[in-house]
Amino acid sequence: MNGAEKLAYVALFILAIVLLLTNQVALATVAIVPYVLASFKYSFPQLKKPSGRHR
């Protein structure tokens, strides 16, 4: 995960919290859904494909 992705996660999290605190639940779910979906990207280990150079 690079710096830009970390910043995007933090921004989405803060946006969701602020929207929940201002009782805008519909907009908060719009902010939470991409945050949760993006977190699945790093939840599972990435399997490396063999390079085919085994000797």
N, C-alpha and C. Protein backbone atom coordinates (compact mmCIF):
# COMPACT_ATOMS: atom_id res chain seq x y z
N MET A 1 0.86 -1.17 0.00
CA MET A 1 0.00 0.00 0.00
C MET A 1 0.90 1.23 0.00
N ASN A 2 0.67 2.11 -0.93
CA ASN A 2 1.50 3.30 -0.99
C ASN A 2 0.85 4.47 -0.26
N GLY A 3 1.53 5.59 -0.24
CA GLY A 3 1.06 6.75 0.51
C GLY A 3 -0.27 7.30 0.04
N ALA A 4 -0.49 7.27 -1.27
CA ALA A 4 -1.75 7.80 -1.80
C ALA A 4 -2.93 6.93 -1.37
N GLU A 5 -2.74 5.61 -1.33
CA GLU A 5 -3.82 4.74 -0.89
C GLU A 5 -4.11 4.92 0.58
N LYS A 6 -3.07 5.09 1.38
CA LYS A 6 -3.28 5.33 2.81
C LYS A 6 -4.05 6.62 3.03
N LEU A 7 -3.68 7.65 2.29
CA LEU A 7 -4.37 8.93 2.42
C LEU A 7 -5.84 8.81 2.01
N ALA A 8 -6.12 8.03 0.96
CA ALA A 8 -7.50 7.84 0.52
C ALA A 8 -8.31 7.09 1.57
N TYR A 9 -7.71 6.07 2.19
CA TYR A 9 -8.41 5.33 3.25
C TYR A 9 -8.73 6.24 4.43
N VAL A 10 -7.77 7.06 4.83
CA VAL A 10 -7.99 7.97 5.96
C VAL A 10 -9.07 8.98 5.62
N ALA A 11 -9.04 9.51 4.40
CA ALA A 11 -10.03 10.49 3.99
C ALA A 11 -11.43 9.89 3.96
N LEU A 12 -11.57 8.67 3.44
CA LEU A 12 -12.88 8.03 3.42
C LEU A 12 -13.38 7.74 4.82
N PHE A 13 -12.48 7.32 5.70
CA PHE A 13 -12.87 7.02 7.08
C PHE A 13 -13.34 8.29 7.79
N ILE A 14 -12.60 9.37 7.65
CA ILE A 14 -12.99 10.64 8.28
C ILE A 14 -14.30 11.14 7.70
N LEU A 15 -14.46 11.03 6.39
CA LEU A 15 -15.71 11.46 5.75
C LEU A 15 -16.90 10.67 6.28
N ALA A 16 -16.73 9.36 6.42
CA ALA A 16 -17.83 8.53 6.92
C ALA A 16 -18.19 8.90 8.36
N ILE A 17 -17.19 9.13 9.21
CA ILE A 17 -17.45 9.50 10.60
C ILE A 17 -18.17 10.84 10.68
N VAL A 18 -17.70 11.81 9.92
CA VAL A 18 -18.33 13.14 9.95
C VAL A 18 -19.76 13.06 9.46
N LEU A 19 -20.01 12.29 8.42
CA LEU A 19 -21.38 12.16 7.91
C LEU A 19 -22.28 11.45 8.90
N LEU A 20 -21.75 10.46 9.62
CA LEU A 20 -22.56 9.79 10.64
C LEU A 20 -22.86 10.73 11.80
N LEU A 21 -21.91 11.57 12.16
CA LEU A 21 -22.13 12.50 13.26
C LEU A 21 -23.14 13.59 12.90
N THR A 22 -23.27 13.89 11.61
CA THR A 22 -24.24 14.90 11.19
C THR A 22 -25.56 14.27 10.73
N ASN A 23 -25.77 13.00 11.09
CA ASN A 23 -27.01 12.27 10.79
C ASN A 23 -27.32 12.18 9.31
N GLN A 24 -26.31 12.04 8.48
CA GLN A 24 -26.50 11.82 7.05
C GLN A 24 -26.08 10.39 6.74
N VAL A 25 -26.94 9.47 7.13
CA VAL A 25 -26.61 8.04 7.07
C VAL A 25 -26.47 7.56 5.64
N ALA A 26 -27.31 8.05 4.74
CA ALA A 26 -27.25 7.60 3.35
C ALA A 26 -25.92 7.97 2.72
N LEU A 27 -25.46 9.17 2.95
CA LEU A 27 -24.17 9.58 2.40
C LEU A 27 -23.02 8.87 3.10
N ALA A 28 -23.18 8.55 4.37
CA ALA A 28 -22.14 7.83 5.09
C ALA A 28 -21.96 6.43 4.52
N THR A 29 -23.06 5.79 4.15
CA THR A 29 -22.93 4.45 3.56
C THR A 29 -22.25 4.53 2.20
N VAL A 30 -22.47 5.61 1.47
CA VAL A 30 -21.78 5.79 0.19
C VAL A 30 -20.28 5.92 0.41
N ALA A 31 -19.87 6.50 1.53
CA ALA A 31 -18.45 6.63 1.84
C ALA A 31 -17.88 5.35 2.43
N ILE A 32 -18.69 4.58 3.15
CA ILE A 32 -18.20 3.38 3.81
C ILE A 32 -18.04 2.22 2.82
N VAL A 33 -18.93 2.09 1.86
CA VAL A 33 -18.89 0.95 0.93
C VAL A 33 -17.57 0.87 0.16
N PRO A 34 -17.07 1.95 -0.46
CA PRO A 34 -15.78 1.83 -1.14
C PRO A 34 -14.63 1.54 -0.18
N TYR A 35 -14.73 2.06 1.04
CA TYR A 35 -13.70 1.81 2.05
C TYR A 35 -13.63 0.32 2.38
N VAL A 36 -14.78 -0.30 2.55
CA VAL A 36 -14.82 -1.73 2.88
C VAL A 36 -14.38 -2.57 1.68
N LEU A 37 -14.84 -2.23 0.50
CA LEU A 37 -14.46 -2.99 -0.69
C LEU A 37 -12.96 -2.90 -0.95
N ALA A 38 -12.38 -1.73 -0.74
CA ALA A 38 -10.94 -1.58 -0.95
C ALA A 38 -10.15 -2.33 0.10
N SER A 39 -10.70 -2.49 1.29
CA SER A 39 -9.96 -3.20 2.33
C SER A 39 -9.86 -4.69 2.01
N PHE A 40 -10.80 -5.22 1.20
CA PHE A 40 -10.72 -6.62 0.80
C PHE A 40 -9.50 -6.89 -0.09
N LYS A 41 -9.02 -5.86 -0.76
CA LYS A 41 -7.87 -6.02 -1.63
C LYS A 41 -6.65 -6.50 -0.85
N TYR A 42 -6.51 -6.06 0.40
CA TYR A 42 -5.36 -6.41 1.20
C TYR A 42 -5.68 -7.47 2.26
N SER A 43 -6.91 -7.96 2.28
CA SER A 43 -7.28 -8.96 3.27
C SER A 43 -6.77 -10.35 2.93
N PHE A 44 -6.63 -10.62 1.65
CA PHE A 44 -6.24 -11.95 1.22
C PHE A 44 -4.82 -11.91 0.66
N PRO A 45 -4.03 -12.93 0.94
CA PRO A 45 -2.65 -12.94 0.42
C PRO A 45 -2.62 -13.04 -1.10
N GLN A 46 -1.70 -12.32 -1.69
CA GLN A 46 -1.54 -12.37 -3.13
C GLN A 46 -0.68 -13.56 -3.49
N LEU A 47 -1.18 -14.43 -4.35
CA LEU A 47 -0.44 -15.60 -4.76
C LEU A 47 0.46 -15.22 -5.93
N LYS A 48 1.72 -15.56 -5.83
CA LYS A 48 2.66 -15.26 -6.90
C LYS A 48 2.62 -16.38 -7.93
N LYS A 49 2.58 -16.00 -9.19
CA LYS A 49 2.60 -16.97 -10.26
C LYS A 49 4.05 -17.42 -10.50
N PRO A 50 4.24 -18.68 -10.81
CA PRO A 50 5.62 -19.11 -11.08
C PRO A 50 6.15 -18.46 -12.35
N SER A 51 7.42 -18.14 -12.33
CA SER A 51 8.02 -17.45 -13.47
C SER A 51 8.37 -18.39 -14.61
N GLY A 52 8.42 -19.68 -14.35
CA GLY A 52 8.75 -20.63 -15.39
C GLY A 52 10.24 -20.79 -15.62
N ARG A 53 11.05 -20.28 -14.73
CA ARG A 53 12.50 -20.36 -14.88
C ARG A 53 13.12 -21.33 -13.87
N HIS A 54 12.40 -22.34 -13.51
CA HIS A 54 12.95 -23.33 -12.57
C HIS A 54 13.93 -24.24 -13.30
N ARG A 55 15.11 -24.42 -12.73
CA ARG A 55 16.11 -25.28 -13.36
C ARG A 55 16.53 -26.33 -12.40
